[in-house]
Amino acid sequence: MIPEITTEELKQKLENGEKLALVDVREDDEVATGMVPGTKHIKMGEIPNNLDYFDKDKEYIFICRSGGRSGNVCAYLQDQGYKVRNMVGGMLEWDGKVE
């Protein structure tokens, strides 16, 4: 089971000033339309080559357009022993700030 966070819960945490590790796994042309502020961009296909970026003691929240790709990335990283959370609904449901 992949832990999830809603767009509303994430927005609330960011507004409360929580320090979160956010990763957007969309393609370059998709992130060009805007990302959740403070998000690191690592394309889904590049995640396996970037495992050294991730720390097993931290939780990462993954974001994509609708929640499907980020869910796949979460499943992959969870299998590797990482703490993950999928933002359900993705950027389609995000109504907070973008940068």
Protein backbone atom coordinates (compact mmCIF):
# COMPACT_ATOMS: atom_id res chain seq x y z
CA MET A 1 0.00 0.00 0.00
CA ILE A 2 1.40 3.38 -1.03
CA PRO A 3 0.84 6.19 1.50
CA GLU A 4 -1.00 9.12 -0.07
CA ILE A 5 -1.47 12.83 0.50
CA THR A 6 -4.19 14.96 -1.06
CA THR A 7 -3.45 18.24 -2.81
CA GLU A 8 -5.41 19.98 -0.05
CA GLU A 9 -3.35 18.32 2.74
CA LEU A 10 -0.12 19.23 0.97
CA LYS A 11 -1.20 22.84 0.49
CA GLN A 12 -2.05 23.05 4.21
CA LYS A 13 1.36 21.64 5.24
CA LEU A 14 3.19 24.13 2.98
CA GLU A 15 1.09 27.02 4.31
CA ASN A 16 2.00 25.89 7.85
CA GLY A 17 5.67 26.21 6.87
CA GLU A 18 6.48 22.49 7.06
CA LYS A 19 9.75 21.51 5.37
CA LEU A 20 8.82 18.80 2.87
CA ALA A 21 10.86 16.90 0.30
CA LEU A 22 8.82 17.20 -2.90
CA VAL A 23 9.80 15.57 -6.20
CA ASP A 24 8.03 16.21 -9.53
CA VAL A 25 8.49 13.28 -11.95
CA ARG A 26 6.86 14.89 -15.02
CA GLU A 27 8.62 15.62 -18.30
CA ASP A 28 10.38 18.95 -19.00
CA ASP A 29 7.55 20.38 -21.11
CA GLU A 30 5.04 19.58 -18.34
CA VAL A 31 6.99 21.21 -15.51
CA ALA A 32 7.43 24.29 -17.70
CA THR A 33 3.74 25.04 -16.97
CA GLY A 34 4.57 25.31 -13.26
CA MET A 35 5.57 23.22 -10.25
CA VAL A 36 4.60 23.28 -6.58
CA PRO A 37 7.05 25.78 -5.00
CA GLY A 38 10.19 24.17 -3.58
CA THR A 39 9.89 20.99 -5.65
CA LYS A 40 12.87 19.12 -7.09
CA HIS A 41 12.40 17.96 -10.71
CA ILE A 42 13.60 14.43 -11.52
CA LYS A 43 11.87 12.87 -14.53
CA MET A 44 10.31 9.46 -13.90
CA GLY A 45 12.76 7.73 -16.26
CA GLU A 46 15.73 9.26 -14.43
CA ILE A 47 14.74 8.15 -10.90
CA PRO A 48 16.78 4.87 -10.98
CA ASN A 49 19.93 6.84 -11.88
CA ASN A 50 19.32 9.37 -9.10
CA LEU A 51 18.91 7.09 -6.09
CA ASP A 52 21.88 8.81 -4.41
CA TYR A 53 19.69 11.94 -4.14
CA PHE A 54 17.30 10.12 -1.80
CA ASP A 55 17.89 9.57 1.90
CA LYS A 56 16.19 6.54 3.52
CA ASP A 57 15.61 8.55 6.71
CA LYS A 58 13.50 11.18 4.94
CA GLU A 59 10.02 10.98 3.46
CA TYR A 60 9.51 12.15 -0.12
CA ILE A 61 6.26 13.31 -1.67
CA PHE A 62 5.99 12.54 -5.39
CA ILE A 63 4.00 14.61 -7.85
CA CYS A 64 2.99 14.13 -11.50
CA ARG A 65 0.12 15.30 -13.70
CA SER A 66 -2.61 13.04 -12.32
CA GLY A 67 -0.98 10.79 -9.71
CA GLY A 68 -0.34 7.73 -11.91
CA ARG A 69 3.34 8.11 -12.72
CA SER A 70 4.18 9.36 -9.25
CA GLY A 71 2.38 6.29 -7.87
CA ASN A 72 4.61 4.04 -9.98
CA VAL A 73 7.72 5.87 -8.75
CA CYS A 74 6.49 5.50 -5.16
CA ALA A 75 6.01 1.75 -5.61
CA TYR A 76 9.51 1.41 -7.08
CA LEU A 77 11.20 3.43 -4.32
CA GLN A 78 9.17 1.81 -1.56
CA ASP A 79 10.48 -1.56 -2.79
CA GLN A 80 14.01 -0.14 -2.42
CA GLY A 81 13.32 0.80 1.20
CA TYR A 82 12.53 4.52 0.83
CA LYS A 83 9.76 6.44 2.64
CA VAL A 84 7.36 7.78 0.03
CA ARG A 85 3.98 9.43 -0.31
CA ASN A 86 2.01 9.96 -3.51
CA MET A 87 0.12 13.21 -4.15
CA VAL A 88 -3.20 11.90 -5.41
CA GLY A 89 -4.88 13.87 -8.18
CA GLY A 90 -1.54 15.35 -9.23
CA MET A 91 -1.15 18.79 -10.72
CA LEU A 92 -4.60 18.49 -12.33
CA GLU A 93 -6.08 18.95 -8.84
CA TRP A 94 -3.44 21.31 -7.44
CA ASP A 95 -4.92 24.77 -6.91
CA GLY A 96 -2.14 26.23 -4.78
CA LYS A 97 0.80 28.39 -5.89
CA VAL A 98 3.09 27.29 -8.70
CA GLU A 99 6.54 28.52 -9.69
